[in-house]
N, C-alpha and C. Protein backbone atom coordinates (compact mmCIF):
# COMPACT_ATOMS: atom_id res chain seq x y z
N UNK A 1 119.37 169.76 68.97
CA UNK A 1 118.81 170.99 68.28
C UNK A 1 117.54 171.31 68.66
N UNK A 2 116.65 170.35 68.67
CA UNK A 2 115.09 170.56 69.12
C UNK A 2 115.13 170.89 70.47
N UNK A 3 115.93 170.39 71.41
CA UNK A 3 115.98 170.82 72.75
C UNK A 3 116.40 172.18 73.05
N UNK A 4 117.43 172.58 72.16
CA UNK A 4 117.91 174.00 72.32
C UNK A 4 116.89 175.05 72.01
N UNK A 5 116.07 174.63 70.91
CA UNK A 5 115.10 175.33 70.45
C UNK A 5 113.84 175.45 71.42
N UNK A 6 113.86 174.59 72.44
CA UNK A 6 112.66 174.61 73.27
C UNK A 6 111.59 173.81 72.85
N UNK A 7 111.88 172.80 71.84
CA UNK A 7 110.86 171.93 71.26
C UNK A 7 111.26 170.55 71.35
N UNK A 8 111.52 169.93 72.46
CA UNK A 8 112.12 168.64 72.64
C UNK A 8 111.36 167.53 71.95
N UNK A 9 109.90 167.57 71.85
CA UNK A 9 109.05 166.53 71.43
C UNK A 9 108.68 166.86 70.02
N UNK A 10 109.28 167.80 69.37
CA UNK A 10 108.80 168.08 67.97
C UNK A 10 109.77 167.42 66.95
N UNK A 11 108.98 166.77 66.09
CA UNK A 11 109.60 166.08 64.98
C UNK A 11 109.97 167.00 63.88
N UNK A 12 111.03 166.77 62.97
CA UNK A 12 111.26 167.50 61.87
C UNK A 12 109.98 167.59 60.93
N UNK A 13 109.28 166.38 60.80
CA UNK A 13 108.11 166.40 59.96
C UNK A 13 107.08 167.39 60.51
N UNK A 14 106.81 167.54 61.76
CA UNK A 14 105.94 168.54 62.33
C UNK A 14 106.28 169.88 61.99
N UNK A 15 107.57 170.19 61.95
CA UNK A 15 107.92 171.54 61.45
C UNK A 15 107.68 171.78 60.01
N UNK A 16 107.93 170.80 59.28
CA UNK A 16 107.67 170.82 57.80
C UNK A 16 106.18 171.23 57.56
N UNK A 17 105.46 170.40 58.20
CA UNK A 17 104.03 170.60 58.06
C UNK A 17 103.45 171.97 58.56
N UNK A 18 104.00 172.27 59.73
CA UNK A 18 103.52 173.65 60.20
C UNK A 18 104.00 174.78 59.27
N UNK A 19 105.28 174.63 58.82
CA UNK A 19 105.73 175.60 57.85
C UNK A 19 104.77 175.84 56.56
N UNK A 20 104.51 174.68 55.91
CA UNK A 20 103.56 174.64 54.77
C UNK A 20 102.20 175.24 55.17
N UNK A 21 101.71 174.71 56.30
CA UNK A 21 100.25 175.22 56.63
C UNK A 21 100.18 176.77 56.90
N UNK A 22 101.18 177.08 57.54
CA UNK A 22 101.12 178.61 57.86
C UNK A 22 101.42 179.40 56.63
N UNK A 23 102.24 178.94 55.60
CA UNK A 23 102.52 179.73 54.26
C UNK A 23 101.01 179.75 53.54
N UNK A 24 100.34 178.68 53.54
CA UNK A 24 99.15 178.59 52.93
C UNK A 24 98.12 179.45 53.49
N UNK A 25 98.01 179.42 54.83
CA UNK A 25 97.03 180.13 55.46
C UNK A 25 97.36 181.70 55.22
N UNK A 26 98.59 182.05 55.21
CA UNK A 26 98.98 183.43 54.88
C UNK A 26 98.63 183.91 53.34
N UNK A 27 98.31 182.97 52.65
CA UNK A 27 98.03 183.27 51.13
C UNK A 27 99.20 183.11 50.22
N UNK A 28 100.18 182.34 50.62
CA UNK A 28 101.32 182.16 49.71
C UNK A 28 100.85 181.27 48.58
N UNK A 29 101.59 181.51 47.45
CA UNK A 29 101.29 180.72 46.28
C UNK A 29 101.54 179.15 46.45
N UNK A 30 100.63 178.36 46.19
CA UNK A 30 100.62 176.98 46.56
C UNK A 30 101.87 176.35 45.77
N UNK A 31 102.15 176.83 44.64
CA UNK A 31 103.37 176.29 43.85
C UNK A 31 104.65 176.56 44.65
N UNK A 32 104.77 177.67 45.24
CA UNK A 32 106.00 178.17 46.03
C UNK A 32 105.96 177.07 47.31
N UNK A 33 104.77 176.94 47.99
CA UNK A 33 104.66 175.98 49.05
C UNK A 33 105.17 174.80 48.71
N UNK A 34 104.78 174.21 47.56
CA UNK A 34 105.06 172.90 47.04
C UNK A 34 106.59 172.74 47.09
N UNK A 35 107.24 173.64 46.59
CA UNK A 35 108.77 173.53 46.51
C UNK A 35 109.42 173.62 47.84
N UNK A 36 108.97 174.32 48.81
CA UNK A 36 109.59 174.37 50.06
C UNK A 36 109.82 173.11 50.88
N UNK A 37 108.73 172.07 50.93
CA UNK A 37 109.06 170.89 51.54
C UNK A 37 109.55 169.87 50.60
N UNK A 38 109.77 170.15 49.40
CA UNK A 38 110.21 169.43 48.46
C UNK A 38 109.25 168.33 47.73
N UNK A 39 107.95 168.65 47.74
CA UNK A 39 107.00 167.78 47.10
C UNK A 39 107.25 167.76 45.64
N UNK A 40 107.13 166.61 45.11
CA UNK A 40 107.26 166.33 43.64
C UNK A 40 106.16 166.94 42.85
N UNK A 41 104.99 166.93 43.33
CA UNK A 41 103.80 167.43 42.67
C UNK A 41 103.05 168.40 43.43
N UNK A 42 102.52 169.48 42.76
CA UNK A 42 101.44 170.35 43.38
C UNK A 42 100.39 169.48 44.10
N UNK A 43 99.98 168.43 43.50
CA UNK A 43 98.72 167.59 43.87
C UNK A 43 99.08 167.04 45.35
N UNK A 44 100.25 166.66 45.59
CA UNK A 44 100.64 166.16 46.89
C UNK A 44 100.45 167.31 47.94
N UNK A 45 100.95 168.48 47.70
CA UNK A 45 100.79 169.67 48.49
C UNK A 45 99.39 169.95 48.84
N UNK A 46 98.61 169.99 47.71
CA UNK A 46 97.19 170.45 47.87
C UNK A 46 96.45 169.24 48.59
N UNK A 47 96.70 168.04 48.30
CA UNK A 47 95.96 166.92 48.87
C UNK A 47 96.28 167.00 50.39
N UNK A 48 97.35 167.30 50.77
CA UNK A 48 97.90 167.19 52.16
C UNK A 48 97.49 168.49 52.84
N UNK A 49 97.52 169.55 52.36
CA UNK A 49 97.30 170.87 53.07
C UNK A 49 96.08 171.75 52.78
N UNK A 50 95.25 171.23 51.87
CA UNK A 50 94.09 171.97 51.49
C UNK A 50 93.17 172.37 52.53
N UNK A 51 93.07 171.49 53.45
CA UNK A 51 92.11 171.64 54.59
C UNK A 51 92.48 172.92 55.48
N UNK A 52 93.77 173.37 55.48
CA UNK A 52 93.97 174.59 56.13
C UNK A 52 93.69 175.95 55.60
N UNK A 53 93.07 175.79 54.25
CA UNK A 53 92.62 176.97 53.52
C UNK A 53 91.33 176.79 53.15
N UNK A 54 90.35 176.64 54.07
CA UNK A 54 88.85 176.44 53.64
C UNK A 54 88.23 177.64 53.01
N UNK A 55 88.87 178.66 53.26
CA UNK A 55 88.17 180.00 52.60
C UNK A 55 88.63 180.03 51.18
N UNK A 56 89.48 179.27 50.56
CA UNK A 56 89.99 179.30 49.29
C UNK A 56 88.65 179.19 48.23
N UNK A 57 87.74 178.27 48.36
CA UNK A 57 86.57 178.15 47.44
C UNK A 57 85.82 179.41 47.69
N UNK A 58 85.52 179.97 48.80
CA UNK A 58 84.70 181.13 49.09
C UNK A 58 85.37 182.30 48.35
N UNK A 59 86.52 182.59 48.58
CA UNK A 59 87.35 183.71 48.04
C UNK A 59 87.32 183.61 46.49
N UNK A 60 87.53 182.28 45.95
CA UNK A 60 87.42 182.20 44.55
C UNK A 60 86.10 182.55 43.88
N UNK A 61 85.07 182.06 44.61
CA UNK A 61 83.69 182.29 44.22
C UNK A 61 83.35 183.75 44.19
N UNK A 62 83.95 184.38 45.34
CA UNK A 62 83.64 186.02 45.32
C UNK A 62 84.34 186.65 44.24
N UNK A 63 85.59 186.37 43.96
CA UNK A 63 86.42 186.90 42.91
C UNK A 63 85.62 186.78 41.60
N UNK A 64 85.10 185.53 41.27
CA UNK A 64 84.36 185.37 39.96
C UNK A 64 83.04 186.24 39.93
N UNK A 65 82.44 186.28 41.11
CA UNK A 65 81.23 187.09 41.31
C UNK A 65 81.55 188.56 41.01
N UNK A 66 82.64 189.13 41.62
CA UNK A 66 83.01 190.38 41.34
C UNK A 66 83.20 190.65 39.84
N UNK A 67 84.00 189.82 39.11
CA UNK A 67 84.34 190.04 37.83
C UNK A 67 83.07 190.02 36.93
N UNK A 68 82.09 189.11 37.18
CA UNK A 68 80.80 189.28 36.50
C UNK A 68 80.16 190.74 36.83
N UNK A 69 80.11 190.92 38.05
CA UNK A 69 79.31 192.12 38.58
C UNK A 69 79.94 193.43 37.68
N UNK A 70 81.19 193.45 37.64
CA UNK A 70 81.93 194.54 36.98
C UNK A 70 81.71 194.51 35.46
N UNK A 71 81.63 193.45 34.86
CA UNK A 71 81.32 193.18 33.47
C UNK A 71 79.98 193.66 33.13
N UNK A 72 78.95 193.36 33.98
CA UNK A 72 77.61 193.57 33.64
C UNK A 72 77.22 194.92 34.04
N UNK A 73 77.87 195.50 35.16
CA UNK A 73 77.47 196.86 35.55
C UNK A 73 78.03 197.82 34.52
N UNK A 74 79.21 197.40 33.78
CA UNK A 74 79.69 198.39 32.76
C UNK A 74 79.07 198.38 31.51
N UNK A 75 78.12 197.44 31.45
CA UNK A 75 77.21 197.51 30.26
C UNK A 75 77.96 196.52 29.05
N UNK A 76 78.89 195.91 29.49
CA UNK A 76 79.71 194.97 28.54
C UNK A 76 78.67 193.78 28.17
N UNK A 77 78.71 193.49 26.90
CA UNK A 77 78.07 192.24 26.69
C UNK A 77 79.08 190.99 26.42
N UNK A 78 78.90 190.18 27.25
CA UNK A 78 79.92 189.03 27.08
C UNK A 78 79.74 187.99 26.12
N UNK A 79 78.44 188.09 25.54
CA UNK A 79 78.19 187.14 24.49
C UNK A 79 79.08 187.30 23.22
N UNK A 80 79.21 186.29 22.42
CA UNK A 80 79.88 186.40 21.14
C UNK A 80 79.18 187.22 20.21
N UNK A 81 79.90 188.26 19.55
CA UNK A 81 79.13 188.98 18.46
C UNK A 81 79.06 188.17 17.21
N UNK A 82 78.02 188.47 16.44
CA UNK A 82 77.86 187.79 15.09
C UNK A 82 78.79 188.31 14.13
N UNK A 83 79.37 187.65 13.31
CA UNK A 83 80.25 188.12 12.43
C UNK A 83 79.71 187.90 11.10
């Protein structure tokens, strides 16, 4: 089968890893990616593949920054009000 596909030296495991890596790089939900190769835990998936999505931390920080910026620019007070 691998020879017919033109990948004679490719192992099934290589295809699994490439599949999961490409999905994560494309922004797929990690929980969905976890299910595709059959990982029992999301921890396994993220421990194995998190290196392929280095921008994840930066994107998350940017989203949080945008949230705070909107809150404060709208004049909303995020502190608890006294009751």
